[in-house]
Amino acid sequence: MPAADRAYNVLFLCTGNSARSILGEALLNHVGVGKFRAFSAGSQPKGQVHPMALEVLKEAGISTEGLRSKPWDEFAAADAPQMDFVFTVCDNAAGEACPYWPGQPMTAHWGIEDPAAAEGPEFRRKAAFEEALRFMRNRIAAFISLPMSSIDAMTMQSKLRGIGAMDGATAKAGDAA
């Protein structure tokens, strides 16, 4: 576990890095100021953040400044920040062979349905993004309430997997990243 006197680095991974992982990055940076630094990336990034992800974040009062769709290779580079935690938020990314993450971060799968895959009228598609943000908010609230400096690695891993199985979990929830 990292030292308690510095911010914990957290990476949210998804295949496209346009919706769920972006929501995780923005939300954790919003609520975890000073204690957490969140990032996101994708195995096959779409190259742009989904407009509805940006819309629901702004409506929730969460900054979207600096958000971009990027490859996970950026975080496996020698000069990248060392991650303390890596969370996959889509089942596809959970099943892929991830790059080597220096420092052996704690990993867990926090699968949430892809709001970008929602179909139908705009209000239904937007509701899917709002629901994904709600599920992510619940996971992050549980995560930041963990006693980071006093919990052993095995207990932490169990707690992280339990968070991944919270309401809204996809079928592969609980699997490691």
C-alpha atoms as a PDB file:
ATOM      1  CA  MET A   1       0.000   0.000   0.000  1.00  0.00           C
ATOM      2  CA  PRO A   2       1.193   3.537  -0.681  1.00  0.00           C
ATOM      3  CA  ALA A   3       2.322   5.924   2.009  1.00  0.00           C
ATOM      4  CA  ALA A   4      -0.540   7.759   3.700  1.00  0.00           C
ATOM      5  CA  ASP A   5       1.124  11.161   3.251  1.00  0.00           C
ATOM      6  CA  ARG A   6       0.632  11.314  -0.509  1.00  0.00           C
ATOM      7  CA  ALA A   7      -2.283  11.100  -2.910  1.00  0.00           C
ATOM      8  CA  TYR A   8      -3.235   7.643  -4.174  1.00  0.00           C
ATOM      9  CA  ASN A   9      -3.138   7.267  -7.975  1.00  0.00           C
ATOM     10  CA  VAL A  10      -6.156   5.483  -9.455  1.00  0.00           C
ATOM     11  CA  LEU A  11      -6.582   4.358 -13.073  1.00  0.00           C
ATOM     12  CA  PHE A  12     -10.017   3.543 -14.509  1.00  0.00           C
ATOM     13  CA  LEU A  13      -9.832   1.299 -17.578  1.00  0.00           C
ATOM     14  CA  CYS A  14     -12.361   0.579 -20.282  1.00  0.00           C
ATOM     15  CA  THR A  15     -12.091  -0.437 -23.905  1.00  0.00           C
ATOM     16  CA  GLY A  16     -13.172   2.854 -25.522  1.00  0.00           C
ATOM     17  CA  ASN A  17     -12.334   5.334 -22.732  1.00  0.00           C
ATOM     18  CA  SER A  18     -15.236   7.544 -23.733  1.00  0.00           C
ATOM     19  CA  ALA A  19     -17.871   7.049 -21.015  1.00  0.00           C
ATOM     20  CA  ARG A  20     -17.565   4.864 -17.865  1.00  0.00           C
ATOM     21  CA  SER A  21     -13.838   5.267 -17.269  1.00  0.00           C
ATOM     22  CA  ILE A  22     -14.167   9.003 -17.947  1.00  0.00           C
ATOM     23  CA  LEU A  23     -16.995   9.221 -15.399  1.00  0.00           C
ATOM     24  CA  GLY A  24     -14.779   7.451 -12.837  1.00  0.00           C
ATOM     25  CA  GLU A  25     -11.818   9.739 -13.490  1.00  0.00           C
ATOM     26  CA  ALA A  26     -13.843  12.949 -13.260  1.00  0.00           C
ATOM     27  CA  LEU A  27     -15.859  11.882 -10.234  1.00  0.00           C
ATOM     28  CA  LEU A  28     -12.919  10.645  -8.147  1.00  0.00           C
ATOM     29  CA  ASN A  29     -10.936  13.787  -8.950  1.00  0.00           C
ATOM     30  CA  HIS A  30     -13.974  15.802  -7.834  1.00  0.00           C
ATOM     31  CA  VAL A  31     -14.612  14.070  -4.486  1.00  0.00           C
ATOM     32  CA  GLY A  32     -11.094  12.891  -3.704  1.00  0.00           C
ATOM     33  CA  VAL A  33      -9.197  16.185  -3.941  1.00  0.00           C
ATOM     34  CA  GLY A  34      -5.901  15.924  -2.066  1.00  0.00           C
ATOM     35  CA  LYS A  35      -6.334  12.219  -1.281  1.00  0.00           C
ATOM     36  CA  PHE A  36      -6.700  10.728  -4.782  1.00  0.00           C
ATOM     37  CA  ARG A  37      -5.530  11.489  -8.315  1.00  0.00           C
ATOM     38  CA  ALA A  38      -7.637   9.723 -10.907  1.00  0.00           C
ATOM     39  CA  PHE A  39      -6.845   8.906 -14.515  1.00  0.00           C
ATOM     40  CA  SER A  40      -8.597   6.922 -17.225  1.00  0.00           C
ATOM     41  CA  ALA A  41      -7.570   5.097 -20.361  1.00  0.00           C
ATOM     42  CA  GLY A  42      -8.729   2.525 -22.871  1.00  0.00           C
ATOM     43  CA  SER A  43      -7.327  -0.495 -24.649  1.00  0.00           C
ATOM     44  CA  GLN A  44      -8.860   0.794 -27.899  1.00  0.00           C
ATOM     45  CA  PRO A  45      -9.735   4.427 -27.147  1.00  0.00           C
ATOM     46  CA  LYS A  46     -12.415   6.057 -29.263  1.00  0.00           C
ATOM     47  CA  GLY A  47     -10.380   9.269 -29.434  1.00  0.00           C
ATOM     48  CA  GLN A  48     -13.137  11.456 -28.029  1.00  0.00           C
ATOM     49  CA  VAL A  49     -15.194  11.631 -24.867  1.00  0.00           C
ATOM     50  CA  HIS A  50     -18.883  10.834 -25.380  1.00  0.00           C
ATOM     51  CA  PRO A  51     -20.851  14.125 -25.367  1.00  0.00           C
ATOM     52  CA  MET A  52     -23.469  12.746 -22.956  1.00  0.00           C
ATOM     53  CA  ALA A  53     -20.748  11.800 -20.470  1.00  0.00           C
ATOM     54  CA  LEU A  54     -19.605  15.422 -20.513  1.00  0.00           C
ATOM     55  CA  GLU A  55     -23.200  16.652 -20.238  1.00  0.00           C
ATOM     56  CA  VAL A  56     -24.110  14.585 -17.159  1.00  0.00           C
ATOM     57  CA  LEU A  57     -20.821  15.474 -15.460  1.00  0.00           C
ATOM     58  CA  LYS A  58     -21.407  19.195 -16.020  1.00  0.00           C
ATOM     59  CA  GLU A  59     -24.999  18.913 -14.788  1.00  0.00           C
ATOM     60  CA  ALA A  60     -23.688  17.193 -11.637  1.00  0.00           C
ATOM     61  CA  GLY A  61     -21.278  20.084 -11.051  1.00  0.00           C
ATOM     62  CA  ILE A  62     -18.198  17.993 -11.852  1.00  0.00           C
ATOM     63  CA  SER A  63     -15.371  19.515 -13.869  1.00  0.00           C
ATOM     64  CA  THR A  64     -14.734  18.110 -17.329  1.00  0.00           C
ATOM     65  CA  GLU A  65     -11.547  20.108 -17.850  1.00  0.00           C
ATOM     66  CA  GLY A  66      -8.730  18.050 -19.330  1.00  0.00           C
ATOM     67  CA  LEU A  67     -10.816  14.923 -19.947  1.00  0.00           C
ATOM     68  CA  ARG A  68      -9.759  13.071 -23.077  1.00  0.00           C
ATOM     69  CA  SER A  69      -9.922   9.577 -24.538  1.00  0.00           C
ATOM     70  CA  LYS A  70      -6.432   8.045 -24.416  1.00  0.00           C
ATOM     71  CA  PRO A  71      -4.647   4.686 -24.723  1.00  0.00           C
ATOM     72  CA  TRP A  72      -3.648   2.754 -21.633  1.00  0.00           C
ATOM     73  CA  ASP A  73      -0.082   2.574 -22.973  1.00  0.00           C
ATOM     74  CA  GLU A  74       0.384   6.130 -21.646  1.00  0.00           C
ATOM     75  CA  PHE A  75       0.188   4.744 -18.121  1.00  0.00           C
ATOM     76  CA  ALA A  76       2.538   1.815 -18.713  1.00  0.00           C
ATOM     77  CA  ALA A  77       5.366   4.147 -19.845  1.00  0.00           C
ATOM     78  CA  ALA A  78       8.418   4.671 -17.643  1.00  0.00           C
ATOM     79  CA  ASP A  79       7.561   8.330 -16.978  1.00  0.00           C
ATOM     80  CA  ALA A  80       3.891   7.686 -16.137  1.00  0.00           C
ATOM     81  CA  PRO A  81       2.542   8.144 -12.615  1.00  0.00           C
ATOM     82  CA  GLN A  82       2.778   4.913 -10.628  1.00  0.00           C
ATOM     83  CA  MET A  83      -0.713   3.581  -9.978  1.00  0.00           C
ATOM     84  CA  ASP A  84      -1.872   2.421  -6.571  1.00  0.00           C
ATOM     85  CA  PHE A  85      -5.216   1.110  -7.847  1.00  0.00           C
ATOM     86  CA  VAL A  86      -6.440  -0.012 -11.287  1.00  0.00           C
ATOM     87  CA  PHE A  87     -10.159  -0.596 -11.838  1.00  0.00           C
ATOM     88  CA  THR A  88     -11.670  -2.019 -15.006  1.00  0.00           C
ATOM     89  CA  VAL A  89     -15.195  -0.720 -15.549  1.00  0.00           C
ATOM     90  CA  CYS A  90     -16.206  -2.753 -18.598  1.00  0.00           C
ATOM     91  CA  ASP A  91     -16.251  -6.505 -19.041  1.00  0.00           C
ATOM     92  CA  ASN A  92     -14.226  -6.351 -22.277  1.00  0.00           C
ATOM     93  CA  ALA A  93     -11.316  -4.541 -20.615  1.00  0.00           C
ATOM     94  CA  ALA A  94     -11.460  -6.949 -17.657  1.00  0.00           C
ATOM     95  CA  GLY A  95     -10.900  -9.860 -20.034  1.00  0.00           C
ATOM     96  CA  GLU A  96      -8.021  -8.277 -21.954  1.00  0.00           C
ATOM     97  CA  ALA A  97      -4.361  -8.716 -21.188  1.00  0.00           C
ATOM     98  CA  CYS A  98      -3.474  -5.444 -19.485  1.00  0.00           C
ATOM     99  CA  PRO A  99      -0.045  -3.856 -19.732  1.00  0.00           C
ATOM    100  CA  TYR A 100       2.334  -4.335 -16.829  1.00  0.00           C
ATOM    101  CA  TRP A 101       1.596  -1.699 -14.206  1.00  0.00           C
ATOM    102  CA  PRO A 102       4.767  -0.745 -12.306  1.00  0.00           C
ATOM    103  CA  GLY A 103       4.462  -0.961  -8.534  1.00  0.00           C
ATOM    104  CA  GLN A 104       1.923  -3.802  -8.504  1.00  0.00           C
ATOM    105  CA  PRO A 105      -1.237  -1.773  -7.903  1.00  0.00           C
ATOM    106  CA  MET A 106      -4.352  -3.253  -6.330  1.00  0.00           C
ATOM    107  CA  THR A 107      -6.817  -4.217  -9.060  1.00  0.00           C
ATOM    108  CA  ALA A 108     -10.516  -4.969  -9.219  1.00  0.00           C
ATOM    109  CA  HIS A 109     -13.327  -5.131 -11.740  1.00  0.00           C
ATOM    110  CA  TRP A 110     -16.088  -2.569 -11.218  1.00  0.00           C
ATOM    111  CA  GLY A 111     -18.225  -3.433 -14.256  1.00  0.00           C
ATOM    112  CA  ILE A 112     -21.058  -1.082 -15.141  1.00  0.00           C
ATOM    113  CA  GLU A 113     -23.300  -1.335 -18.209  1.00  0.00           C
ATOM    114  CA  ASP A 114     -22.088   0.828 -21.090  1.00  0.00           C
ATOM    115  CA  PRO A 115     -24.301   3.921 -21.249  1.00  0.00           C
ATOM    116  CA  ALA A 116     -22.943   4.668 -24.730  1.00  0.00           C
ATOM    117  CA  ALA A 117     -24.641   1.463 -25.939  1.00  0.00           C
ATOM    118  CA  ALA A 118     -28.087   2.668 -24.813  1.00  0.00           C
ATOM    119  CA  GLU A 119     -30.622   3.005 -27.593  1.00  0.00           C
ATOM    120  CA  GLY A 120     -33.883   4.827 -28.042  1.00  0.00           C
ATOM    121  CA  PRO A 121     -34.873   8.440 -27.601  1.00  0.00           C
ATOM    122  CA  GLU A 122     -32.382  10.932 -26.197  1.00  0.00           C
ATOM    123  CA  PHE A 123     -33.972  10.971 -22.732  1.00  0.00           C
ATOM    124  CA  ARG A 124     -33.427   7.191 -22.387  1.00  0.00           C
ATOM    125  CA  ARG A 125     -29.830   7.447 -23.559  1.00  0.00           C
ATOM    126  CA  LYS A 126     -29.176  10.305 -21.133  1.00  0.00           C
ATOM    127  CA  ALA A 127     -30.811   8.307 -18.323  1.00  0.00           C
ATOM    128  CA  ALA A 128     -28.294   5.508 -18.994  1.00  0.00           C
ATOM    129  CA  PHE A 129     -25.426   7.973 -18.435  1.00  0.00           C
ATOM    130  CA  GLU A 130     -27.055   9.321 -15.279  1.00  0.00           C
ATOM    131  CA  GLU A 131     -27.447   5.768 -13.966  1.00  0.00           C
ATOM    132  CA  ALA A 132     -23.812   4.921 -14.778  1.00  0.00           C
ATOM    133  CA  LEU A 133     -22.723   8.066 -12.922  1.00  0.00           C
ATOM    134  CA  ARG A 134     -24.871   7.061  -9.931  1.00  0.00           C
ATOM    135  CA  PHE A 135     -23.394   3.551  -9.838  1.00  0.00           C
ATOM    136  CA  MET A 136     -19.876   4.989 -10.145  1.00  0.00           C
ATOM    137  CA  ARG A 137     -20.599   7.544  -7.407  1.00  0.00           C
ATOM    138  CA  ASN A 138     -21.695   4.724  -5.057  1.00  0.00           C
ATOM    139  CA  ARG A 139     -18.536   2.711  -5.781  1.00  0.00           C
ATOM    140  CA  ILE A 140     -16.274   5.702  -5.300  1.00  0.00           C
ATOM    141  CA  ALA A 141     -18.005   6.677  -2.037  1.00  0.00           C
ATOM    142  CA  ALA A 142     -17.406   3.145  -0.714  1.00  0.00           C
ATOM    143  CA  PHE A 143     -13.807   3.213  -1.988  1.00  0.00           C
ATOM    144  CA  ILE A 144     -12.802   6.546  -0.446  1.00  0.00           C
ATOM    145  CA  SER A 145     -14.328   5.538   2.895  1.00  0.00           C
ATOM    146  CA  LEU A 146     -11.901   2.594   3.210  1.00  0.00           C
ATOM    147  CA  PRO A 147      -9.208   3.032   5.901  1.00  0.00           C
ATOM    148  CA  MET A 148      -6.363   3.195   3.346  1.00  0.00           C
ATOM    149  CA  SER A 149      -3.447   3.453   5.768  1.00  0.00           C
ATOM    150  CA  SER A 150      -4.587   0.771   8.205  1.00  0.00           C
ATOM    151  CA  ILE A 151      -5.931  -2.028   6.024  1.00  0.00           C
ATOM    152  CA  ASP A 152      -3.849  -5.028   4.934  1.00  0.00           C
ATOM    153  CA  ALA A 153      -3.511  -5.971   1.251  1.00  0.00           C
ATOM    154  CA  MET A 154      -5.684  -9.082   1.416  1.00  0.00           C
ATOM    155  CA  THR A 155      -8.532  -7.269   3.151  1.00  0.00           C
ATOM    156  CA  MET A 156      -8.198  -4.337   0.739  1.00  0.00           C
ATOM    157  CA  GLN A 157      -8.445  -6.665  -2.268  1.00  0.00           C
ATOM    158  CA  SER A 158     -11.565  -8.266  -0.804  1.00  0.00           C
ATOM    159  CA  LYS A 159     -13.145  -4.859  -0.144  1.00  0.00           C
ATOM    160  CA  LEU A 160     -12.336  -3.646  -3.697  1.00  0.00           C
ATOM    161  CA  ARG A 161     -13.968  -6.724  -5.216  1.00  0.00           C
ATOM    162  CA  GLY A 162     -16.989  -6.250  -2.975  1.00  0.00           C
ATOM    163  CA  ILE A 163     -17.329  -2.680  -4.236  1.00  0.00           C
ATOM    164  CA  GLY A 164     -17.302  -4.050  -7.785  1.00  0.00           C
ATOM    165  CA  ALA A 165     -20.283  -6.263  -6.920  1.00  0.00           C
ATOM    166  CA  MET A 166     -22.420  -3.342  -5.740  1.00  0.00           C
ATOM    167  CA  ASP A 167     -25.763  -2.424  -7.321  1.00  0.00           C
ATOM    168  CA  GLY A 168     -25.478  -2.097 -11.101  1.00  0.00           C
ATOM    169  CA  ALA A 169     -22.643  -4.598 -11.458  1.00  0.00           C
ATOM    170  CA  THR A 170     -22.255  -6.408 -14.750  1.00  0.00           C
ATOM    171  CA  ALA A 171     -21.924 -10.196 -14.950  1.00  0.00           C
ATOM    172  CA  LYS A 172     -18.164 -10.288 -14.478  1.00  0.00           C
ATOM    173  CA  ALA A 173     -18.155  -8.047 -11.397  1.00  0.00           C
ATOM    174  CA  GLY A 174     -15.716  -9.187  -8.768  1.00  0.00           C
ATOM    175  CA  ASP A 175     -13.118 -10.416 -11.273  1.00  0.00           C
ATOM    176  CA  ALA A 176      -9.674  -8.876 -10.974  1.00  0.00           C
ATOM    177  CA  ALA A 177      -8.413  -6.453 -13.606  1.00  0.00           C
END
